[in-house]
Amino acid sequence: MDASFATHMDGKSHTGVIVMVGGVGVFFASGKRKCVIKSPTEAELIKLSNNVGFLELFHEILSFVLNCSVEISTVYQDNMSVILLVTIGGGRVRTKHLRTRMYLTMEAIKEKNLMVKYVHILGMTADGFTKVLGGSDFDFFIDQVLGTN
């Protein structure tokens, strides 16, 4: 998952999600946020918390279809502030609704329904769903999405 802060002319952010199973993309989503967000960390936190339920449901469906235990979903995040917020808590979350989003994600991690790992921005596959890519960045994105890398 990735979020691009204030990408649109009206100040709204753009988010992208790619779900991969066995190294192949099986679900893709990209969309403009419905509200103006005040910081890149807030954009990433909202994107992450909005998809916690989806990831838990996807995990359950995959376990049911395969009729076996499936390892927990790993969310790759390129924003260390968000990783710290949802793994150890704390920090300055400016509103109650953002604090609730932080605790929702922290609870999912604590219950081992998902795992969050850092990935450098150059390795963020979902970047292609949040901004225009060119050259080798676009080639990397296409290779990742198609599972040819």
N, C-alpha and C. Protein backbone atom coordinates (compact mmCIF):
# COMPACT_ATOMS: atom_id res chain seq x y z
N MET A 1 0.84 -1.18 0.00
CA MET A 1 0.00 0.00 0.00
C MET A 1 0.89 1.24 0.00
N ASP A 2 0.39 2.26 -0.68
CA ASP A 2 1.13 3.51 -0.68
C ASP A 2 0.15 4.67 -0.79
N ALA A 3 0.56 5.81 -0.31
CA ALA A 3 -0.23 7.03 -0.43
C ALA A 3 0.68 8.14 -0.93
N SER A 4 0.15 8.93 -1.82
CA SER A 4 0.88 10.07 -2.34
C SER A 4 0.19 11.33 -1.82
N PHE A 5 0.89 12.11 -1.03
CA PHE A 5 0.33 13.25 -0.32
C PHE A 5 0.06 14.44 -1.24
N ALA A 6 -1.17 14.97 -1.19
CA ALA A 6 -1.58 16.20 -1.88
C ALA A 6 -1.20 16.19 -3.36
N THR A 7 -1.46 15.10 -4.03
CA THR A 7 -1.10 14.93 -5.44
C THR A 7 -2.02 15.73 -6.36
N HIS A 8 -3.28 15.84 -6.00
CA HIS A 8 -4.27 16.47 -6.88
C HIS A 8 -4.32 17.98 -6.68
N MET A 9 -4.82 18.68 -7.68
CA MET A 9 -4.88 20.15 -7.66
C MET A 9 -5.73 20.69 -6.50
N ASP A 10 -6.68 19.89 -6.02
CA ASP A 10 -7.51 20.34 -4.90
C ASP A 10 -6.92 19.97 -3.55
N GLY A 11 -5.67 19.50 -3.54
CA GLY A 11 -4.97 19.18 -2.29
C GLY A 11 -5.23 17.79 -1.75
N LYS A 12 -6.04 17.01 -2.47
CA LYS A 12 -6.35 15.67 -1.99
C LYS A 12 -5.25 14.69 -2.38
N SER A 13 -5.12 13.64 -1.58
CA SER A 13 -4.08 12.63 -1.79
C SER A 13 -4.60 11.50 -2.67
N HIS A 14 -3.70 10.63 -3.07
CA HIS A 14 -4.04 9.48 -3.91
C HIS A 14 -3.44 8.23 -3.27
N THR A 15 -4.18 7.14 -3.25
CA THR A 15 -3.67 5.91 -2.64
C THR A 15 -3.71 4.76 -3.62
N GLY A 16 -2.85 3.79 -3.36
CA GLY A 16 -2.81 2.60 -4.18
C GLY A 16 -2.57 1.36 -3.34
N VAL A 17 -3.20 0.26 -3.73
CA VAL A 17 -3.07 -1.00 -3.02
C VAL A 17 -2.83 -2.10 -4.05
N ILE A 18 -1.91 -2.98 -3.74
CA ILE A 18 -1.71 -4.18 -4.54
C ILE A 18 -1.59 -5.35 -3.56
N VAL A 19 -2.37 -6.40 -3.80
CA VAL A 19 -2.30 -7.61 -2.99
C VAL A 19 -1.64 -8.67 -3.85
N MET A 20 -0.57 -9.24 -3.30
CA MET A 20 0.17 -10.26 -4.04
C MET A 20 0.11 -11.59 -3.30
N VAL A 21 -0.10 -12.64 -4.06
CA VAL A 21 -0.10 -14.00 -3.52
C VAL A 21 0.90 -14.79 -4.35
N GLY A 22 1.89 -15.33 -3.67
CA GLY A 22 2.91 -16.10 -4.39
C GLY A 22 3.69 -15.28 -5.39
N GLY A 23 3.85 -13.98 -5.12
CA GLY A 23 4.63 -13.12 -6.00
C GLY A 23 3.87 -12.58 -7.20
N VAL A 24 2.57 -12.84 -7.27
CA VAL A 24 1.76 -12.37 -8.40
C VAL A 24 0.64 -11.50 -7.87
N GLY A 25 0.41 -10.38 -8.50
CA GLY A 25 -0.66 -9.48 -8.09
C GLY A 25 -2.02 -10.08 -8.38
N VAL A 26 -2.89 -10.10 -7.37
CA VAL A 26 -4.24 -10.66 -7.54
C VAL A 26 -5.33 -9.62 -7.29
N PHE A 27 -4.97 -8.49 -6.70
CA PHE A 27 -5.93 -7.41 -6.46
C PHE A 27 -5.19 -6.09 -6.57
N PHE A 28 -5.82 -5.15 -7.26
CA PHE A 28 -5.23 -3.83 -7.46
C PHE A 28 -6.29 -2.77 -7.22
N ALA A 29 -5.92 -1.68 -6.56
CA ALA A 29 -6.85 -0.57 -6.35
C ALA A 29 -6.07 0.73 -6.33
N SER A 30 -6.69 1.76 -6.86
CA SER A 30 -6.08 3.08 -6.88
C SER A 30 -7.20 4.09 -6.81
N GLY A 31 -7.04 5.11 -5.98
CA GLY A 31 -8.10 6.10 -5.91
C GLY A 31 -7.72 7.37 -5.20
N LYS A 32 -8.46 8.39 -5.53
CA LYS A 32 -8.30 9.70 -4.91
C LYS A 32 -9.02 9.68 -3.56
N ARG A 33 -8.38 10.24 -2.53
CA ARG A 33 -9.00 10.35 -1.22
C ARG A 33 -10.18 11.31 -1.30
N LYS A 34 -11.16 11.10 -0.45
CA LYS A 34 -12.36 11.94 -0.47
C LYS A 34 -12.22 13.22 0.33
N CYS A 35 -11.18 13.31 1.14
CA CYS A 35 -10.99 14.51 1.96
C CYS A 35 -9.54 14.98 1.87
N VAL A 36 -9.33 16.24 2.19
CA VAL A 36 -7.98 16.80 2.22
C VAL A 36 -7.30 16.32 3.50
N ILE A 37 -6.07 15.87 3.36
CA ILE A 37 -5.31 15.32 4.48
C ILE A 37 -4.13 16.26 4.74
N LYS A 38 -3.76 16.42 6.01
CA LYS A 38 -2.78 17.45 6.38
C LYS A 38 -1.32 17.04 6.32
N SER A 39 -1.01 15.73 6.23
CA SER A 39 0.40 15.34 6.20
C SER A 39 0.57 14.00 5.50
N PRO A 40 1.79 13.71 5.03
CA PRO A 40 2.05 12.40 4.42
C PRO A 40 1.82 11.25 5.41
N THR A 41 2.16 11.46 6.68
CA THR A 41 1.96 10.41 7.68
C THR A 41 0.47 10.13 7.85
N GLU A 42 -0.32 11.18 7.90
CA GLU A 42 -1.77 11.01 8.03
C GLU A 42 -2.34 10.29 6.81
N ALA A 43 -1.86 10.63 5.62
CA ALA A 43 -2.33 9.96 4.40
C ALA A 43 -2.02 8.46 4.45
N GLU A 44 -0.82 8.12 4.87
CA GLU A 44 -0.41 6.71 4.96
C GLU A 44 -1.19 5.97 6.05
N LEU A 45 -1.42 6.63 7.20
CA LEU A 45 -2.17 6.01 8.29
C LEU A 45 -3.61 5.73 7.88
N ILE A 46 -4.24 6.68 7.22
CA ILE A 46 -5.62 6.50 6.77
C ILE A 46 -5.70 5.37 5.76
N LYS A 47 -4.78 5.34 4.83
CA LYS A 47 -4.75 4.28 3.82
C LYS A 47 -4.58 2.92 4.47
N LEU A 48 -3.68 2.83 5.42
CA LEU A 48 -3.42 1.56 6.10
C LEU A 48 -4.63 1.11 6.92
N SER A 49 -5.19 2.00 7.72
CA SER A 49 -6.32 1.62 8.56
C SER A 49 -7.58 1.30 7.74
N ASN A 50 -7.75 1.97 6.62
CA ASN A 50 -8.90 1.68 5.75
C ASN A 50 -8.84 0.27 5.18
N ASN A 51 -7.66 -0.30 5.08
CA ASN A 51 -7.50 -1.60 4.45
C ASN A 51 -7.28 -2.76 5.42
N VAL A 52 -7.27 -2.49 6.73
CA VAL A 52 -7.07 -3.56 7.72
C VAL A 52 -8.15 -4.63 7.60
N GLY A 53 -9.41 -4.20 7.57
CA GLY A 53 -10.53 -5.15 7.46
C GLY A 53 -10.47 -5.95 6.17
N PHE A 54 -10.12 -5.28 5.07
CA PHE A 54 -10.00 -5.96 3.78
C PHE A 54 -8.93 -7.05 3.83
N LEU A 55 -7.78 -6.72 4.42
CA LEU A 55 -6.70 -7.71 4.51
C LEU A 55 -7.08 -8.89 5.38
N GLU A 56 -7.78 -8.63 6.48
CA GLU A 56 -8.22 -9.72 7.34
C GLU A 56 -9.21 -10.62 6.61
N LEU A 57 -10.15 -10.02 5.88
CA LEU A 57 -11.12 -10.79 5.11
C LEU A 57 -10.43 -11.58 4.00
N PHE A 58 -9.50 -10.95 3.29
CA PHE A 58 -8.78 -11.63 2.22
C PHE A 58 -8.02 -12.84 2.77
N HIS A 59 -7.41 -12.69 3.94
CA HIS A 59 -6.68 -13.78 4.58
C HIS A 59 -7.61 -14.94 4.90
N GLU A 60 -8.79 -14.63 5.45
CA GLU A 60 -9.76 -15.67 5.78
C GLU A 60 -10.24 -16.41 4.53
N ILE A 61 -10.53 -15.67 3.47
CA ILE A 61 -10.99 -16.29 2.22
C ILE A 61 -9.90 -17.18 1.64
N LEU A 62 -8.66 -16.70 1.63
CA LEU A 62 -7.56 -17.49 1.09
C LEU A 62 -7.35 -18.76 1.91
N SER A 63 -7.43 -18.66 3.23
CA SER A 63 -7.31 -19.85 4.09
C SER A 63 -8.42 -20.85 3.81
N PHE A 64 -9.64 -20.34 3.59
CA PHE A 64 -10.78 -21.21 3.31
C PHE A 64 -10.62 -21.91 1.96
N VAL A 65 -10.27 -21.14 0.93
CA VAL A 65 -10.14 -21.69 -0.41
C VAL A 65 -9.01 -22.73 -0.48
N LEU A 66 -7.90 -22.45 0.15
CA LEU A 66 -6.76 -23.38 0.13
C LEU A 66 -6.90 -24.49 1.16
N ASN A 67 -7.85 -24.32 2.08
CA ASN A 67 -8.11 -25.31 3.13
C ASN A 67 -6.86 -25.63 3.94
N CYS A 68 -6.12 -24.58 4.26
CA CYS A 68 -4.92 -24.74 5.09
C CYS A 68 -4.58 -23.41 5.74
N SER A 69 -3.66 -23.45 6.67
CA SER A 69 -3.21 -22.24 7.34
C SER A 69 -2.36 -21.41 6.37
N VAL A 70 -2.63 -20.12 6.33
CA VAL A 70 -1.90 -19.20 5.46
C VAL A 70 -1.18 -18.20 6.35
N GLU A 71 0.08 -17.90 6.04
CA GLU A 71 0.81 -16.95 6.88
C GLU A 71 0.15 -15.59 6.85
N ILE A 72 0.37 -14.83 7.92
CA ILE A 72 -0.32 -13.54 8.04
C ILE A 72 0.13 -12.58 6.94
N SER A 73 -0.76 -11.66 6.62
CA SER A 73 -0.49 -10.68 5.58
C SER A 73 0.61 -9.73 6.02
N THR A 74 1.50 -9.42 5.10
CA THR A 74 2.56 -8.46 5.35
C THR A 74 2.26 -7.19 4.55
N VAL A 75 2.20 -6.08 5.24
CA VAL A 75 1.99 -4.79 4.60
C VAL A 75 3.34 -4.11 4.53
N TYR A 76 3.75 -3.71 3.33
CA TYR A 76 5.01 -3.00 3.17
C TYR A 76 4.72 -1.50 3.22
N GLN A 77 5.48 -0.80 4.04
CA GLN A 77 5.25 0.60 4.31
C GLN A 77 6.56 1.36 4.14
N ASP A 78 6.53 2.48 3.42
CA ASP A 78 7.75 3.27 3.22
C ASP A 78 7.81 4.50 4.12
N ASN A 79 6.91 4.60 5.09
CA ASN A 79 6.87 5.74 6.00
C ASN A 79 7.14 5.25 7.42
N MET A 80 8.33 5.53 7.93
CA MET A 80 8.73 5.05 9.26
C MET A 80 7.84 5.64 10.37
N SER A 81 7.33 6.84 10.19
CA SER A 81 6.45 7.44 11.20
C SER A 81 5.20 6.59 11.40
N VAL A 82 4.63 6.13 10.31
CA VAL A 82 3.43 5.28 10.41
C VAL A 82 3.77 3.95 11.04
N ILE A 83 4.89 3.37 10.67
CA ILE A 83 5.30 2.09 11.26
C ILE A 83 5.43 2.22 12.77
N LEU A 84 6.07 3.29 13.23
CA LEU A 84 6.22 3.51 14.66
C LEU A 84 4.87 3.75 15.34
N LEU A 85 3.98 4.50 14.70
CA LEU A 85 2.67 4.75 15.27
C LEU A 85 1.88 3.46 15.49
N VAL A 86 1.90 2.57 14.50
CA VAL A 86 1.05 1.37 14.57
C VAL A 86 1.72 0.18 15.24
N THR A 87 3.01 0.26 15.49
CA THR A 87 3.67 -0.86 16.17
C THR A 87 3.92 -0.58 17.64
N ILE A 88 4.36 0.65 17.97
CA ILE A 88 4.62 0.94 19.38
C ILE A 88 3.71 2.02 19.93
N GLY A 89 2.92 2.66 19.07
CA GLY A 89 2.00 3.70 19.52
C GLY A 89 2.73 4.97 19.85
N GLY A 90 2.03 5.85 20.53
CA GLY A 90 2.65 7.11 20.91
C GLY A 90 2.65 8.12 19.79
N GLY A 91 3.55 9.03 19.87
CA GLY A 91 3.61 10.08 18.88
C GLY A 91 2.49 11.09 19.11
N ARG A 92 2.37 12.03 18.22
CA ARG A 92 1.32 13.04 18.33
C ARG A 92 0.30 12.80 17.24
N VAL A 93 -0.81 12.22 17.60
CA VAL A 93 -1.91 12.03 16.67
C VAL A 93 -2.90 13.14 16.98
N ARG A 94 -3.16 14.01 16.01
CA ARG A 94 -3.82 15.27 16.28
C ARG A 94 -5.31 15.20 16.56
N THR A 95 -5.99 14.13 16.16
CA THR A 95 -7.43 14.05 16.40
C THR A 95 -7.83 12.66 16.90
N LYS A 96 -9.02 12.60 17.45
CA LYS A 96 -9.54 11.34 17.98
C LYS A 96 -9.70 10.31 16.85
N HIS A 97 -10.17 10.74 15.68
CA HIS A 97 -10.37 9.76 14.61
C HIS A 97 -9.04 9.19 14.11
N LEU A 98 -7.98 9.96 14.12
CA LEU A 98 -6.67 9.42 13.72
C LEU A 98 -6.12 8.50 14.80
N ARG A 99 -6.34 8.85 16.06
CA ARG A 99 -5.92 7.98 17.16
C ARG A 99 -6.65 6.63 17.07
N THR A 100 -7.94 6.67 16.73
CA THR A 100 -8.72 5.44 16.57
C THR A 100 -8.17 4.60 15.43
N ARG A 101 -7.79 5.22 14.34
CA ARG A 101 -7.20 4.49 13.22
C ARG A 101 -5.87 3.84 13.63
N MET A 102 -5.08 4.57 14.41
CA MET A 102 -3.81 4.03 14.89
C MET A 102 -4.06 2.79 15.75
N TYR A 103 -5.01 2.89 16.69
CA TYR A 103 -5.28 1.77 17.59
C TYR A 103 -5.93 0.58 16.87
N LEU A 104 -6.73 0.85 15.85
CA LEU A 104 -7.31 -0.23 15.05
C LEU A 104 -6.21 -1.06 14.40
N THR A 105 -5.25 -0.37 13.82
CA THR A 105 -4.14 -1.06 13.15
C THR A 105 -3.23 -1.74 14.17
N MET A 106 -2.97 -1.07 15.29
CA MET A 106 -2.16 -1.68 16.35
C MET A 106 -2.79 -2.97 16.86
N GLU A 107 -4.11 -2.98 16.99
CA GLU A 107 -4.81 -4.17 17.46
C GLU A 107 -4.67 -5.32 16.47
N ALA A 108 -4.78 -5.03 15.18
CA ALA A 108 -4.62 -6.06 14.16
C ALA A 108 -3.21 -6.65 14.19
N ILE A 109 -2.22 -5.81 14.43
CA ILE A 109 -0.83 -6.28 14.51
C ILE A 109 -0.64 -7.12 15.77
N LYS A 110 -1.17 -6.64 16.89
CA LYS A 110 -1.05 -7.35 18.17
C LYS A 110 -1.71 -8.73 18.10
N GLU A 111 -2.86 -8.82 17.42
CA GLU A 111 -3.58 -10.09 17.28
C GLU A 111 -3.01 -10.96 16.16
N LYS A 112 -1.92 -10.50 15.56
CA LYS A 112 -1.23 -11.20 14.48
C LYS A 112 -2.13 -11.46 13.27
N ASN A 113 -2.97 -10.44 12.96
CA ASN A 113 -3.78 -10.49 11.75
C ASN A 113 -3.06 -9.85 10.57
N LEU A 114 -2.04 -9.06 10.86
CA LEU A 114 -1.19 -8.51 9.82
C LEU A 114 0.14 -8.10 10.42
N MET A 115 1.11 -7.92 9.55
CA MET A 115 2.46 -7.53 9.94
C MET A 115 2.85 -6.34 9.07
N VAL A 116 3.54 -5.38 9.64
CA VAL A 116 3.99 -4.21 8.88
C VAL A 116 5.51 -4.23 8.82
N LYS A 117 6.03 -4.12 7.60
CA LYS A 117 7.49 -4.10 7.40
C LYS A 117 7.87 -2.88 6.58
N TYR A 118 9.05 -2.37 6.89
CA TYR A 118 9.57 -1.22 6.13
C TYR A 118 10.13 -1.68 4.79
N VAL A 119 9.85 -0.90 3.77
CA VAL A 119 10.47 -1.10 2.46
C VAL A 119 10.89 0.29 1.97
N HIS A 120 12.09 0.38 1.42
CA HIS A 120 12.58 1.65 0.89
C HIS A 120 11.66 2.08 -0.25
N ILE A 121 11.53 3.36 -0.43
CA ILE A 121 10.62 3.89 -1.45
C ILE A 121 10.93 3.35 -2.85
N LEU A 122 12.20 3.03 -3.11
CA LEU A 122 12.55 2.49 -4.43
C LEU A 122 12.02 1.08 -4.64
N GLY A 123 11.66 0.39 -3.56
CA GLY A 123 11.11 -0.96 -3.67
C GLY A 123 9.61 -1.02 -3.46
N MET A 124 8.95 0.13 -3.39
CA MET A 124 7.51 0.18 -3.12
C MET A 124 6.73 -0.06 -4.41
N THR A 125 6.21 -1.26 -4.54
CA THR A 125 5.47 -1.64 -5.74
C THR A 125 4.23 -0.79 -5.95
N ALA A 126 3.52 -0.46 -4.89
CA ALA A 126 2.27 0.29 -5.00
C ALA A 126 2.47 1.73 -5.47
N ASP A 127 3.72 2.19 -5.58
CA ASP A 127 4.01 3.53 -6.08
C ASP A 127 3.35 3.78 -7.43
N GLY A 128 3.31 2.77 -8.27
CA GLY A 128 2.74 2.91 -9.60
C GLY A 128 1.26 3.21 -9.61
N PHE A 129 0.59 3.00 -8.47
CA PHE A 129 -0.83 3.31 -8.37
C PHE A 129 -1.08 4.67 -7.75
N THR A 130 -0.03 5.37 -7.34
CA THR A 130 -0.21 6.66 -6.68
C THR A 130 0.40 7.83 -7.42
N LYS A 131 1.30 7.56 -8.34
CA LYS A 131 1.95 8.65 -9.06
C LYS A 131 2.44 8.16 -10.42
N VAL A 132 2.78 9.10 -11.27
CA VAL A 132 3.28 8.77 -12.59
C VAL A 132 4.72 8.29 -12.47
N LEU A 133 5.01 7.14 -13.07
CA LEU A 133 6.37 6.61 -13.06
C LEU A 133 6.91 6.58 -14.49
N GLY A 134 8.20 6.72 -14.61
CA GLY A 134 8.82 6.65 -15.92
C GLY A 134 10.09 5.84 -15.88
N GLY A 135 10.56 5.42 -17.04
CA GLY A 135 11.84 4.73 -17.16
C GLY A 135 11.92 3.45 -16.36
N SER A 136 13.03 3.30 -15.63
CA SER A 136 13.29 2.07 -14.88
C SER A 136 12.29 1.87 -13.74
N ASP A 137 11.77 2.98 -13.16
CA ASP A 137 10.75 2.86 -12.11
C ASP A 137 9.48 2.21 -12.66
N PHE A 138 9.08 2.62 -13.87
CA PHE A 138 7.90 2.04 -14.50
C PHE A 138 8.16 0.57 -14.84
N ASP A 139 9.34 0.26 -15.35
CA ASP A 139 9.68 -1.13 -15.68
C ASP A 139 9.64 -2.01 -14.43
N PHE A 140 10.16 -1.51 -13.31
CA PHE A 140 10.12 -2.24 -12.04
C PHE A 140 8.67 -2.50 -11.63
N PHE A 141 7.84 -1.46 -11.73
CA PHE A 141 6.42 -1.58 -11.37
C PHE A 141 5.74 -2.65 -12.21
N ILE A 142 5.92 -2.62 -13.49
CA ILE A 142 5.27 -3.59 -14.40
C ILE A 142 5.77 -5.01 -14.09
N ASP A 143 7.06 -5.17 -13.89
CA ASP A 143 7.61 -6.49 -13.55
C ASP A 143 7.00 -7.03 -12.26
N GLN A 144 6.84 -6.18 -11.26
CA GLN A 144 6.26 -6.59 -9.98
C GLN A 144 4.79 -6.96 -10.13
N VAL A 145 4.04 -6.14 -10.83
CA VAL A 145 2.60 -6.38 -11.00
C VAL A 145 2.34 -7.66 -11.77
N LEU A 146 3.14 -7.90 -12.80
CA LEU A 146 2.92 -9.09 -13.63
C LEU A 146 3.62 -10.33 -13.07
N GLY A 147 4.43 -10.15 -12.04
CA GLY A 147 5.12 -11.28 -11.44
C GLY A 147 6.24 -11.82 -12.29
N THR A 148 6.81 -10.96 -13.15
CA THR A 148 7.89 -11.40 -14.04
C THR A 148 9.26 -11.12 -13.48
N ASN A 149 9.33 -10.50 -12.30
CA ASN A 149 10.63 -10.14 -11.73
C ASN A 149 11.13 -11.20 -10.79
